[in-house]
Amino acid sequence: MEVIKEFKLFYENYLGLKDKKYTNGIAVSLCPQRDVPLNKRFFYKLIASGYDGEIAMSCSQDFSEEEIIGICRYLASGGIDESLMQSGIKVRNYDQSFMYRMIQHVPSTFDVNDVICLPGGQVIKVLYVENSKKFLAIMDDSLVGYSKVSDVIYGYGNIVVWIEEAFRRMGIAERLVKLLINRCYEDDIVPMYIAREDNVASIELAKKLHFEIVQKEFVASYVAPMNPSYAK
């Protein structure tokens, strides 16, 4: 199956679009996936995007009909662009942002090893933790960064990368993500990169690694507390 067809199948399932209904011309799905945490604590309670010639909105099953109608009015008039934010749209008390969803149109792997040599002779060793699908960058027994697949959903793996501030802009993130991409393909996982529209560094890294934007999304998100049960 072609990459873009595979992505369309994933996206329709992820947004629950097979069960869509229309409100003010917006394709709406009350989707169970919106109540499943990403990376253990992050909930995308609402995702709206331009898809297949229409605006589609996937939201939590606890959204009321009144809330849905109100949000759809904004989407119908503003679309998925900057004017939507300027319209005053407000989805509960959730954080609102534009996100880019990115994949490799042509699957690419990289010739890299698990030792990173920094200027000045410092050496970072990279270890892979199988049960958490995570590469750890270790120097002098201290963690300086990691890349991991936070979640695998319908065969697609969400890539997450973090680098200690003092070690940024040294090429560590690029090396870790390359290793992770290679591992994803070995494990029959399609790597997927998601970044906020204003996270220029992250988007540039993804593009350098042959990722291309396939969807721009308006996302209303919620971060659950560290330990208590997840609140709505």
Protein backbone atom coordinates (compact mmCIF):
# COMPACT_ATOMS: atom_id res chain seq x y z
CA MET A 1 0.00 0.00 0.00
CA GLU A 2 1.25 3.49 -0.81
CA VAL A 3 2.49 5.63 2.09
CA ILE A 4 -0.17 8.33 1.69
CA LYS A 5 -2.97 5.74 1.49
CA GLU A 6 -1.66 4.10 4.64
CA PHE A 7 -1.63 7.48 6.38
CA LYS A 8 -5.20 8.26 5.29
CA LEU A 9 -6.37 4.96 6.76
CA PHE A 10 -4.51 5.70 9.99
CA TYR A 11 -5.89 9.24 10.18
CA GLU A 12 -9.49 8.23 9.57
CA ASN A 13 -9.22 5.65 12.37
CA TYR A 14 -7.35 8.00 14.70
CA LEU A 15 -9.99 10.72 14.33
CA GLY A 16 -12.88 8.26 14.25
CA LEU A 17 -14.13 9.64 10.94
CA LYS A 18 -15.97 6.47 9.97
CA ASP A 19 -18.64 7.48 12.49
CA LYS A 20 -18.77 11.17 11.59
CA LYS A 21 -21.91 13.30 11.61
CA TYR A 22 -22.29 16.82 10.32
CA THR A 23 -22.84 19.97 12.38
CA ASN A 24 -22.83 23.35 10.61
CA GLY A 25 -21.03 21.69 7.69
CA ILE A 26 -18.28 20.27 9.93
CA ALA A 27 -17.64 16.51 9.99
CA VAL A 28 -17.80 15.67 13.70
CA SER A 29 -16.75 12.47 15.45
CA LEU A 30 -17.11 11.72 19.15
CA CYS A 31 -13.98 9.61 19.33
CA PRO A 32 -12.82 7.33 22.21
CA GLN A 33 -9.21 8.02 21.17
CA ARG A 34 -9.54 11.60 22.46
CA ASP A 35 -9.81 10.21 26.00
CA VAL A 36 -6.70 8.02 25.71
CA PRO A 37 -3.54 9.70 27.06
CA LEU A 38 -0.45 10.22 24.90
CA ASN A 39 2.91 9.77 26.62
CA LYS A 40 0.93 8.81 29.76
CA ARG A 41 -0.32 12.32 30.61
CA PHE A 42 -1.22 14.27 27.46
CA PHE A 43 -4.75 14.28 26.11
CA TYR A 44 -5.72 15.74 22.75
CA LYS A 45 -9.32 16.37 23.75
CA LEU A 46 -10.15 17.93 20.39
CA ILE A 47 -8.45 17.80 17.00
CA ALA A 48 -9.76 19.75 14.02
CA SER A 49 -8.16 19.70 10.60
CA GLY A 50 -8.80 20.21 6.93
CA TYR A 51 -9.10 16.69 5.56
CA ASP A 52 -10.39 15.18 2.33
CA GLY A 53 -11.94 18.43 1.15
CA GLU A 54 -13.78 19.29 4.38
CA ILE A 55 -13.13 20.34 7.95
CA ALA A 56 -13.17 17.40 10.33
CA MET A 57 -13.39 17.62 14.12
CA SER A 58 -12.65 14.73 16.47
CA CYS A 59 -13.51 15.38 20.11
CA SER A 60 -13.89 13.67 23.45
CA GLN A 61 -17.09 11.74 24.07
CA ASP A 62 -17.84 13.97 27.04
CA PHE A 63 -18.40 17.06 24.85
CA SER A 64 -22.02 18.21 24.95
CA GLU A 65 -24.08 18.93 21.86
CA GLU A 66 -24.13 22.60 22.83
CA GLU A 67 -20.32 22.73 23.03
CA ILE A 68 -19.96 21.00 19.68
CA ILE A 69 -22.37 23.38 17.96
CA GLY A 70 -20.51 26.39 19.37
CA ILE A 71 -17.07 25.12 18.30
CA CYS A 72 -18.36 24.19 14.84
CA ARG A 73 -19.58 27.75 14.32
CA TYR A 74 -16.01 29.00 14.79
CA LEU A 75 -14.57 26.29 12.54
CA ALA A 76 -17.11 26.95 9.80
CA SER A 77 -16.25 30.64 9.70
CA GLY A 78 -12.51 30.53 10.46
CA GLY A 79 -11.17 27.28 9.00
CA ILE A 80 -7.85 25.86 10.20
CA ASP A 81 -5.67 28.96 9.96
CA GLU A 82 -4.58 31.93 12.06
CA SER A 83 -7.98 33.60 11.81
CA LEU A 84 -9.38 30.77 13.94
CA MET A 85 -7.27 31.86 16.93
CA GLN A 86 -8.18 35.47 16.28
CA SER A 87 -11.87 34.58 16.26
CA GLY A 88 -11.87 34.08 20.04
CA ILE A 89 -12.55 30.35 19.96
CA LYS A 90 -12.34 28.81 23.43
CA VAL A 91 -12.49 25.07 24.12
CA ARG A 92 -13.12 24.80 27.85
CA ASN A 93 -9.93 25.63 29.74
CA TYR A 94 -7.72 23.53 27.47
CA ASP A 95 -4.51 24.72 25.88
CA GLN A 96 -5.10 25.62 22.23
CA SER A 97 -2.46 25.41 19.53
CA PHE A 98 -1.77 24.59 15.91
CA MET A 99 0.19 21.39 15.38
CA TYR A 100 1.93 19.88 12.37
CA ARG A 101 1.66 16.13 11.84
CA MET A 102 4.59 14.87 9.75
CA ILE A 103 5.58 11.59 8.10
CA GLN A 104 8.22 10.42 5.64
CA HIS A 105 6.61 10.13 2.21
CA VAL A 106 9.58 7.97 1.24
CA PRO A 107 10.66 5.80 4.20
CA SER A 108 14.28 6.64 5.04
CA THR A 109 16.83 5.03 7.35
CA PHE A 110 20.25 6.32 8.38
CA ASP A 111 23.79 5.05 8.75
CA VAL A 112 24.54 6.00 12.38
CA ASN A 113 26.21 4.42 15.40
CA ASP A 114 25.53 4.59 19.13
CA VAL A 115 28.55 6.69 20.17
CA ILE A 116 28.45 10.51 19.94
CA CYS A 117 31.76 12.40 20.08
CA LEU A 118 31.47 16.04 21.09
CA PRO A 119 33.98 18.86 20.54
CA GLY A 120 36.58 18.77 23.29
CA GLY A 121 36.73 14.98 23.41
CA GLN A 122 33.57 14.34 25.42
CA VAL A 123 31.88 11.05 24.56
CA ILE A 124 28.17 10.26 24.85
CA LYS A 125 27.08 6.65 24.83
CA VAL A 126 23.62 5.74 23.60
CA LEU A 127 21.69 2.88 25.18
CA TYR A 128 18.43 1.38 23.95
CA VAL A 129 15.70 0.42 26.45
CA GLU A 130 13.58 -2.21 24.74
CA ASN A 131 10.50 -2.17 26.95
CA SER A 132 10.03 1.60 26.64
CA LYS A 133 11.22 2.01 23.02
CA LYS A 134 13.67 4.66 24.18
CA PHE A 135 17.27 5.63 23.32
CA LEU A 136 19.15 7.20 26.25
CA ALA A 137 22.14 9.52 25.78
CA ILE A 138 24.50 9.02 28.74
CA MET A 139 27.66 10.94 29.63
CA ASP A 140 29.57 10.29 32.85
CA ASP A 141 26.61 8.28 34.20
CA SER A 142 24.25 11.23 33.70
CA LEU A 143 21.30 11.41 31.33
CA VAL A 144 21.74 14.25 28.81
CA GLY A 145 18.91 13.37 26.43
CA TYR A 146 16.62 10.76 24.98
CA SER A 147 14.42 9.90 22.03
CA LYS A 148 11.50 7.53 22.29
CA VAL A 149 8.30 6.29 20.74
CA SER A 150 5.78 7.63 23.21
CA ASP A 151 2.80 5.73 21.79
CA VAL A 152 2.07 3.34 18.95
CA ILE A 153 -1.40 3.93 17.50
CA TYR A 154 -2.69 1.89 14.56
CA GLY A 155 0.91 1.08 13.61
CA TYR A 156 2.20 4.68 13.78
CA GLY A 157 4.72 5.68 16.46
CA ASN A 158 4.82 9.19 17.93
CA ILE A 159 8.43 10.42 18.16
CA VAL A 160 9.49 12.38 21.23
CA VAL A 161 12.96 13.84 21.76
CA TRP A 162 14.41 15.75 24.71
CA ILE A 163 17.92 17.14 25.27
CA GLU A 164 19.32 18.73 28.42
CA GLU A 165 19.60 22.47 27.73
CA ALA A 166 23.38 22.62 28.13
CA PHE A 167 23.77 19.95 25.40
CA ARG A 168 21.45 21.38 22.77
CA ARG A 169 22.57 22.44 19.28
CA MET A 170 25.30 19.80 19.28
CA GLY A 171 23.63 17.32 16.93
CA ILE A 172 22.59 14.98 19.73
CA ALA A 173 18.87 15.21 18.98
CA GLU A 174 19.44 14.44 15.32
CA ARG A 175 21.54 11.36 16.13
CA LEU A 176 19.00 10.05 18.65
CA VAL A 177 16.05 10.52 16.30
CA LYS A 178 17.92 8.83 13.44
CA LEU A 179 18.56 5.81 15.67
CA LEU A 180 14.90 5.80 16.69
CA ILE A 181 13.67 5.98 13.09
CA ASN A 182 15.87 3.01 12.17
CA ARG A 183 14.48 1.06 15.11
CA CYS A 184 10.88 1.93 14.20
CA TYR A 185 11.25 0.44 10.74
CA GLU A 186 12.96 -2.64 12.19
CA ASP A 187 9.91 -3.10 14.44
CA ASP A 188 7.38 -2.43 11.65
CA ILE A 189 6.35 0.89 13.20
CA VAL A 190 5.78 3.92 10.97
CA PRO A 191 7.57 6.90 12.58
CA MET A 192 5.47 10.04 12.92
CA TYR A 193 6.58 13.48 14.08
CA ILE A 194 4.19 15.95 15.73
CA ALA A 195 5.29 19.50 16.56
CA ARG A 196 3.70 22.79 17.49
CA GLU A 197 3.58 25.25 14.63
CA ASP A 198 5.78 27.69 16.58
CA ASN A 199 8.44 25.08 17.46
CA VAL A 200 10.73 26.04 14.58
CA ALA A 201 13.74 24.00 15.76
CA SER A 202 11.72 20.81 16.05
CA ILE A 203 10.12 21.28 12.63
CA GLU A 204 13.49 21.98 11.02
CA LEU A 205 14.94 18.82 12.56
CA ALA A 206 12.01 16.75 11.28
CA LYS A 207 12.36 18.14 7.76
CA LYS A 208 16.10 17.46 7.82
CA LEU A 209 15.22 13.83 8.50
CA HIS A 210 12.90 13.68 5.46
CA PHE A 211 9.61 14.27 7.28
CA GLU A 212 6.96 16.29 5.47
CA ILE A 213 3.87 17.99 6.82
CA VAL A 214 0.72 16.05 5.99
CA GLN A 215 -1.76 17.74 8.34
CA LYS A 216 -2.10 21.05 10.13
CA GLU A 217 -4.33 20.62 13.16
CA PHE A 218 -6.08 22.82 15.68
CA VAL A 219 -5.63 20.98 18.97
CA ALA A 220 -7.24 21.55 22.36
CA SER A 221 -5.09 19.63 24.82
CA TYR A 222 -4.97 18.76 28.49
CA VAL A 223 -2.04 17.64 30.65
CA ALA A 224 -2.99 15.41 33.55
CA PRO A 225 -1.27 15.70 36.96
CA MET A 226 1.67 13.39 37.58
CA ASN A 227 -0.06 10.85 39.85
CA PRO A 228 -3.78 11.47 40.55
CA SER A 229 -6.38 9.90 38.30
CA TYR A 230 -6.79 11.80 35.05
CA ALA A 231 -9.27 14.62 35.27
CA LYS A 232 -11.53 15.65 32.43
